[in-house]
N, C-alpha and C. Protein backbone atom coordinates (compact mmCIF):
# COMPACT_ATOMS: atom_id res chain seq x y z
N MET A 1 -6.68 6.09 4.23
CA MET A 1 -8.05 5.66 4.04
C MET A 1 -8.46 4.85 5.26
N ASP A 2 -9.58 5.17 5.84
CA ASP A 2 -10.09 4.48 7.00
C ASP A 2 -10.90 3.27 6.53
N ILE A 3 -10.73 2.12 7.20
CA ILE A 3 -11.43 0.92 6.76
C ILE A 3 -12.73 0.68 7.52
N ALA A 4 -13.06 1.53 8.50
CA ALA A 4 -14.31 1.37 9.23
C ALA A 4 -15.48 1.47 8.25
N GLY A 5 -16.34 0.46 8.25
CA GLY A 5 -17.51 0.46 7.38
C GLY A 5 -17.20 0.12 5.94
N TRP A 6 -15.95 -0.20 5.67
CA TRP A 6 -15.52 -0.50 4.30
C TRP A 6 -16.28 -1.68 3.72
N ASN A 7 -16.50 -2.70 4.52
CA ASN A 7 -17.11 -3.93 4.02
C ASN A 7 -18.26 -4.33 4.95
N ASP A 8 -19.18 -3.43 5.14
CA ASP A 8 -20.28 -3.63 6.07
C ASP A 8 -21.51 -4.18 5.32
N PRO A 9 -21.88 -5.45 5.58
CA PRO A 9 -23.04 -6.04 4.88
C PRO A 9 -24.34 -5.26 5.11
N ALA A 10 -24.50 -4.69 6.29
CA ALA A 10 -25.72 -3.90 6.56
C ALA A 10 -25.77 -2.68 5.65
N GLU A 11 -24.63 -2.06 5.42
CA GLU A 11 -24.58 -0.90 4.53
C GLU A 11 -24.92 -1.31 3.10
N GLU A 12 -24.48 -2.48 2.69
CA GLU A 12 -24.80 -2.95 1.34
C GLU A 12 -26.30 -3.21 1.18
N GLU A 13 -26.95 -3.66 2.26
CA GLU A 13 -28.40 -3.86 2.20
C GLU A 13 -29.12 -2.54 2.03
N ARG A 14 -28.66 -1.52 2.76
CA ARG A 14 -29.29 -0.20 2.68
C ARG A 14 -28.96 0.51 1.37
N ASN A 15 -27.79 0.22 0.81
CA ASN A 15 -27.33 0.91 -0.39
C ASN A 15 -26.86 -0.13 -1.41
N PRO A 16 -27.70 -0.50 -2.35
CA PRO A 16 -27.34 -1.55 -3.31
C PRO A 16 -26.15 -1.18 -4.20
N TRP A 17 -25.80 0.09 -4.27
CA TRP A 17 -24.66 0.51 -5.09
C TRP A 17 -23.34 0.40 -4.34
N ARG A 18 -23.41 0.11 -3.06
CA ARG A 18 -22.19 0.07 -2.23
C ARG A 18 -21.16 -0.95 -2.73
N ALA A 19 -21.60 -2.13 -3.13
CA ALA A 19 -20.68 -3.16 -3.60
C ALA A 19 -19.92 -2.67 -4.84
N GLU A 20 -20.61 -2.00 -5.74
CA GLU A 20 -19.97 -1.47 -6.95
C GLU A 20 -18.98 -0.36 -6.58
N GLU A 21 -19.36 0.50 -5.65
CA GLU A 21 -18.45 1.57 -5.20
C GLU A 21 -17.19 0.96 -4.59
N ARG A 22 -17.37 -0.06 -3.77
CA ARG A 22 -16.24 -0.71 -3.12
C ARG A 22 -15.33 -1.38 -4.18
N ARG A 23 -15.93 -2.01 -5.18
CA ARG A 23 -15.16 -2.65 -6.24
C ARG A 23 -14.31 -1.63 -6.98
N ARG A 24 -14.91 -0.49 -7.31
CA ARG A 24 -14.18 0.56 -8.02
C ARG A 24 -13.07 1.14 -7.14
N ALA A 25 -13.36 1.32 -5.86
CA ALA A 25 -12.33 1.84 -4.95
C ALA A 25 -11.17 0.86 -4.84
N ARG A 26 -11.49 -0.42 -4.73
CA ARG A 26 -10.43 -1.42 -4.64
C ARG A 26 -9.58 -1.43 -5.91
N GLU A 27 -10.22 -1.36 -7.07
CA GLU A 27 -9.48 -1.33 -8.34
C GLU A 27 -8.53 -0.13 -8.38
N GLU A 28 -9.00 1.01 -7.90
CA GLU A 28 -8.16 2.20 -7.88
C GLU A 28 -6.97 2.01 -6.94
N LEU A 29 -7.21 1.45 -5.76
CA LEU A 29 -6.12 1.22 -4.81
C LEU A 29 -5.12 0.21 -5.36
N GLU A 30 -5.63 -0.86 -5.96
CA GLU A 30 -4.73 -1.85 -6.57
C GLU A 30 -3.90 -1.22 -7.68
N GLY A 31 -4.50 -0.34 -8.45
CA GLY A 31 -3.77 0.36 -9.51
C GLY A 31 -2.65 1.22 -8.94
N ARG A 32 -2.94 1.92 -7.85
CA ARG A 32 -1.91 2.74 -7.21
C ARG A 32 -0.76 1.87 -6.69
N LEU A 33 -1.09 0.69 -6.18
CA LEU A 33 -0.04 -0.22 -5.71
C LEU A 33 0.79 -0.75 -6.89
N ARG A 34 0.12 -1.08 -7.98
CA ARG A 34 0.85 -1.56 -9.17
C ARG A 34 1.80 -0.48 -9.69
N GLU A 35 1.35 0.78 -9.67
CA GLU A 35 2.21 1.89 -10.11
C GLU A 35 3.49 1.95 -9.27
N ARG A 36 3.39 1.54 -8.02
CA ARG A 36 4.54 1.55 -7.11
C ARG A 36 5.27 0.22 -7.11
N ARG A 37 4.90 -0.65 -8.01
CA ARG A 37 5.53 -1.97 -8.18
C ARG A 37 5.34 -2.87 -6.97
N VAL A 38 4.22 -2.71 -6.26
CA VAL A 38 3.89 -3.60 -5.15
C VAL A 38 3.08 -4.75 -5.73
N SER A 39 3.59 -5.97 -5.54
CA SER A 39 2.89 -7.12 -6.12
C SER A 39 1.72 -7.55 -5.24
N LEU A 40 0.66 -7.94 -5.91
CA LEU A 40 -0.54 -8.45 -5.25
C LEU A 40 -0.82 -9.84 -5.81
N SER A 41 -1.22 -10.74 -4.93
CA SER A 41 -1.49 -12.11 -5.36
C SER A 41 -2.90 -12.27 -5.91
N GLY A 42 -3.79 -11.37 -5.53
CA GLY A 42 -5.20 -11.51 -5.89
C GLY A 42 -6.01 -12.15 -4.78
N ASN A 43 -5.32 -12.64 -3.76
CA ASN A 43 -6.00 -13.26 -2.63
C ASN A 43 -6.17 -12.31 -1.45
N GLU A 44 -5.73 -11.08 -1.60
CA GLU A 44 -5.84 -10.11 -0.52
C GLU A 44 -7.30 -9.72 -0.31
N THR A 45 -7.66 -9.52 0.94
CA THR A 45 -9.00 -9.02 1.25
C THR A 45 -9.02 -7.51 0.99
N ASP A 46 -10.20 -6.93 1.01
CA ASP A 46 -10.30 -5.48 0.88
C ASP A 46 -9.49 -4.80 1.98
N GLU A 47 -9.58 -5.33 3.19
CA GLU A 47 -8.87 -4.76 4.32
C GLU A 47 -7.36 -4.86 4.13
N ASP A 48 -6.89 -5.96 3.54
CA ASP A 48 -5.46 -6.11 3.25
C ASP A 48 -4.99 -5.03 2.29
N VAL A 49 -5.76 -4.80 1.24
CA VAL A 49 -5.39 -3.80 0.23
C VAL A 49 -5.32 -2.42 0.87
N VAL A 50 -6.27 -2.10 1.71
CA VAL A 50 -6.28 -0.81 2.39
C VAL A 50 -5.07 -0.69 3.32
N ALA A 51 -4.77 -1.74 4.06
CA ALA A 51 -3.63 -1.71 4.97
C ALA A 51 -2.32 -1.53 4.21
N ILE A 52 -2.18 -2.21 3.07
CA ILE A 52 -0.96 -2.09 2.28
C ILE A 52 -0.82 -0.68 1.72
N ILE A 53 -1.87 -0.13 1.14
CA ILE A 53 -1.76 1.22 0.56
C ILE A 53 -1.47 2.24 1.65
N ASN A 54 -2.07 2.07 2.83
CA ASN A 54 -1.80 2.99 3.93
C ASN A 54 -0.34 2.94 4.34
N ALA A 55 0.22 1.74 4.44
CA ALA A 55 1.63 1.59 4.83
C ALA A 55 2.54 2.20 3.77
N VAL A 56 2.25 1.93 2.51
CA VAL A 56 3.07 2.46 1.41
C VAL A 56 3.01 3.99 1.39
N GLU A 57 1.83 4.55 1.53
CA GLU A 57 1.70 6.00 1.50
C GLU A 57 2.35 6.64 2.72
N ASP A 58 2.30 5.98 3.88
CA ASP A 58 3.01 6.49 5.06
C ASP A 58 4.52 6.47 4.83
N PHE A 59 5.02 5.40 4.20
CA PHE A 59 6.44 5.29 3.86
C PHE A 59 6.84 6.46 2.94
N GLU A 60 6.04 6.71 1.92
CA GLU A 60 6.33 7.79 0.98
C GLU A 60 6.26 9.15 1.65
N ALA A 61 5.32 9.32 2.58
CA ALA A 61 5.21 10.59 3.30
C ALA A 61 6.45 10.83 4.15
N ARG A 62 6.98 9.77 4.71
CA ARG A 62 8.20 9.88 5.51
C ARG A 62 9.37 10.33 4.62
N ILE A 63 9.45 9.77 3.42
CA ILE A 63 10.50 10.18 2.48
C ILE A 63 10.35 11.66 2.16
N SER A 64 9.13 12.11 1.93
CA SER A 64 8.89 13.52 1.61
C SER A 64 9.30 14.42 2.77
N ARG A 65 8.98 14.01 3.99
CA ARG A 65 9.37 14.83 5.15
C ARG A 65 10.89 14.94 5.28
N LEU A 66 11.60 13.91 4.83
CA LEU A 66 13.06 13.95 4.87
C LEU A 66 13.64 14.76 3.71
N GLY A 67 12.79 15.11 2.74
CA GLY A 67 13.24 15.89 1.59
C GLY A 67 13.99 15.07 0.57
N ALA A 68 13.78 13.76 0.59
CA ALA A 68 14.51 12.87 -0.33
C ALA A 68 13.81 12.79 -1.68
N ASP A 69 14.53 12.29 -2.65
CA ASP A 69 14.05 12.17 -4.03
C ASP A 69 13.46 10.78 -4.25
N THR A 70 12.16 10.72 -4.47
CA THR A 70 11.52 9.42 -4.69
C THR A 70 11.77 8.88 -6.09
N PHE A 71 12.23 9.71 -7.01
CA PHE A 71 12.50 9.23 -8.37
C PHE A 71 13.81 8.46 -8.46
N VAL A 72 14.75 8.81 -7.62
CA VAL A 72 16.05 8.14 -7.63
C VAL A 72 16.01 6.90 -6.73
N ASN A 73 15.29 6.99 -5.66
CA ASN A 73 15.23 5.90 -4.67
C ASN A 73 14.05 4.99 -4.95
N THR A 74 14.13 4.26 -6.05
CA THR A 74 13.06 3.34 -6.42
C THR A 74 13.63 1.93 -6.55
N PRO A 75 12.77 0.92 -6.48
CA PRO A 75 13.27 -0.45 -6.66
C PRO A 75 13.95 -0.66 -8.01
N GLU A 76 13.58 0.13 -9.02
CA GLU A 76 14.17 -0.01 -10.35
C GLU A 76 15.53 0.66 -10.46
N SER A 77 15.88 1.52 -9.51
CA SER A 77 17.15 2.23 -9.57
C SER A 77 18.30 1.26 -9.38
N SER A 78 19.26 1.32 -10.30
CA SER A 78 20.44 0.45 -10.16
C SER A 78 21.34 0.96 -9.03
N GLN A 79 21.31 2.27 -8.80
CA GLN A 79 22.10 2.84 -7.72
C GLN A 79 21.30 3.92 -7.02
N PRO A 80 20.39 3.52 -6.12
CA PRO A 80 19.62 4.53 -5.39
C PRO A 80 20.54 5.38 -4.51
N ASP A 81 20.15 6.62 -4.28
CA ASP A 81 20.92 7.50 -3.40
C ASP A 81 21.04 6.90 -2.01
N ASP A 82 19.96 6.32 -1.55
CA ASP A 82 19.92 5.78 -0.18
C ASP A 82 18.99 4.57 -0.17
N ARG A 83 19.53 3.40 0.02
CA ARG A 83 18.73 2.16 -0.01
C ARG A 83 17.63 2.15 1.05
N ARG A 84 17.84 2.87 2.16
CA ARG A 84 16.81 2.92 3.22
C ARG A 84 15.53 3.59 2.72
N LEU A 85 15.64 4.36 1.66
CA LEU A 85 14.50 5.11 1.13
C LEU A 85 13.80 4.40 -0.02
N VAL A 86 14.20 3.17 -0.29
CA VAL A 86 13.57 2.38 -1.35
C VAL A 86 12.48 1.52 -0.73
N LEU A 87 11.28 1.63 -1.27
CA LEU A 87 10.16 0.85 -0.78
C LEU A 87 10.50 -0.64 -0.85
N PRO A 88 10.37 -1.35 0.27
CA PRO A 88 10.67 -2.79 0.23
C PRO A 88 9.76 -3.51 -0.77
N ALA A 89 10.35 -4.46 -1.48
CA ALA A 89 9.57 -5.28 -2.42
C ALA A 89 8.82 -6.34 -1.62
N ARG A 90 7.62 -6.62 -2.06
CA ARG A 90 6.84 -7.68 -1.41
C ARG A 90 7.27 -9.02 -1.99
N ARG A 91 7.56 -9.94 -1.11
CA ARG A 91 7.95 -11.28 -1.54
C ARG A 91 6.74 -12.05 -2.05
N ASP A 92 6.96 -12.97 -2.97
CA ASP A 92 5.86 -13.71 -3.58
C ASP A 92 4.98 -14.42 -2.56
N ASP A 93 5.58 -14.97 -1.52
CA ASP A 93 4.81 -15.74 -0.54
C ASP A 93 4.53 -14.96 0.75
N GLU A 94 4.74 -13.65 0.70
CA GLU A 94 4.62 -12.83 1.91
C GLU A 94 3.17 -12.46 2.21
N ALA A 95 2.73 -12.73 3.42
CA ALA A 95 1.38 -12.37 3.85
C ALA A 95 1.25 -10.85 3.90
N PRO A 96 0.06 -10.34 3.61
CA PRO A 96 -0.12 -8.89 3.64
C PRO A 96 0.28 -8.26 4.97
N GLU A 97 -0.07 -8.91 6.07
CA GLU A 97 0.25 -8.35 7.39
C GLU A 97 1.76 -8.23 7.59
N ARG A 98 2.50 -9.22 7.12
CA ARG A 98 3.96 -9.21 7.25
C ARG A 98 4.56 -8.11 6.39
N TYR A 99 4.04 -7.95 5.17
CA TYR A 99 4.55 -6.90 4.30
C TYR A 99 4.28 -5.52 4.91
N VAL A 100 3.08 -5.31 5.40
CA VAL A 100 2.74 -4.03 6.04
C VAL A 100 3.71 -3.76 7.19
N ALA A 101 3.99 -4.77 8.00
CA ALA A 101 4.91 -4.60 9.13
C ALA A 101 6.31 -4.24 8.64
N ARG A 102 6.78 -4.87 7.56
CA ARG A 102 8.11 -4.56 7.03
C ARG A 102 8.19 -3.14 6.48
N VAL A 103 7.13 -2.71 5.80
CA VAL A 103 7.12 -1.35 5.24
C VAL A 103 7.12 -0.33 6.38
N ARG A 104 6.32 -0.57 7.39
CA ARG A 104 6.27 0.35 8.53
C ARG A 104 7.61 0.38 9.27
N GLU A 105 8.24 -0.77 9.41
CA GLU A 105 9.56 -0.85 10.05
C GLU A 105 10.60 -0.08 9.22
N ALA A 106 10.54 -0.24 7.91
CA ALA A 106 11.48 0.47 7.03
C ALA A 106 11.30 1.99 7.17
N ALA A 107 10.06 2.43 7.29
CA ALA A 107 9.79 3.87 7.46
C ALA A 107 10.38 4.38 8.78
N ARG A 108 10.25 3.57 9.83
CA ARG A 108 10.80 3.97 11.14
C ARG A 108 12.33 4.00 11.10
N ASN A 109 12.95 3.18 10.27
CA ASN A 109 14.41 3.06 10.23
C ASN A 109 15.08 4.04 9.28
N MET A 110 14.35 5.02 8.78
CA MET A 110 14.95 5.99 7.85
C MET A 110 15.86 6.98 8.55
N ASP A 111 15.72 7.13 9.83
CA ASP A 111 16.53 8.12 10.57
C ASP A 111 17.98 7.73 10.64
C-alpha cells in the first residue's frame, strides 16, 4: 500500500468522505496485523500502520518465495520448522520504525 496522499488535508477538504475512508482502511489494516499477532499500542500514526503492514507482508512474501510453510512457522508454534521464518514479535516498548527495520532485516536474513 502506497502512503502518498494517505493523510492529505487538502484531499479531505475536497472530499468530506476521505476521513471516513481512511478510518475504515486503518481499521482493516490493524485487523490484518492483529490476525498476525502484531501488537499495536494505539499510538501509531496512519503512516506507522502502513509501514508495519508493508514490512509484514514483504516478510510473508519472502517466505512464500522460499516455499516455506507459514502455518508451521508462526510465533505460536512450539517447534517451528525454521525460526528464521517466524515473524518477529513486536516488543511492548518498540517504536514502529524500529519494528519495521527488524522485520525487514529478518526477511533479508532468510537466506
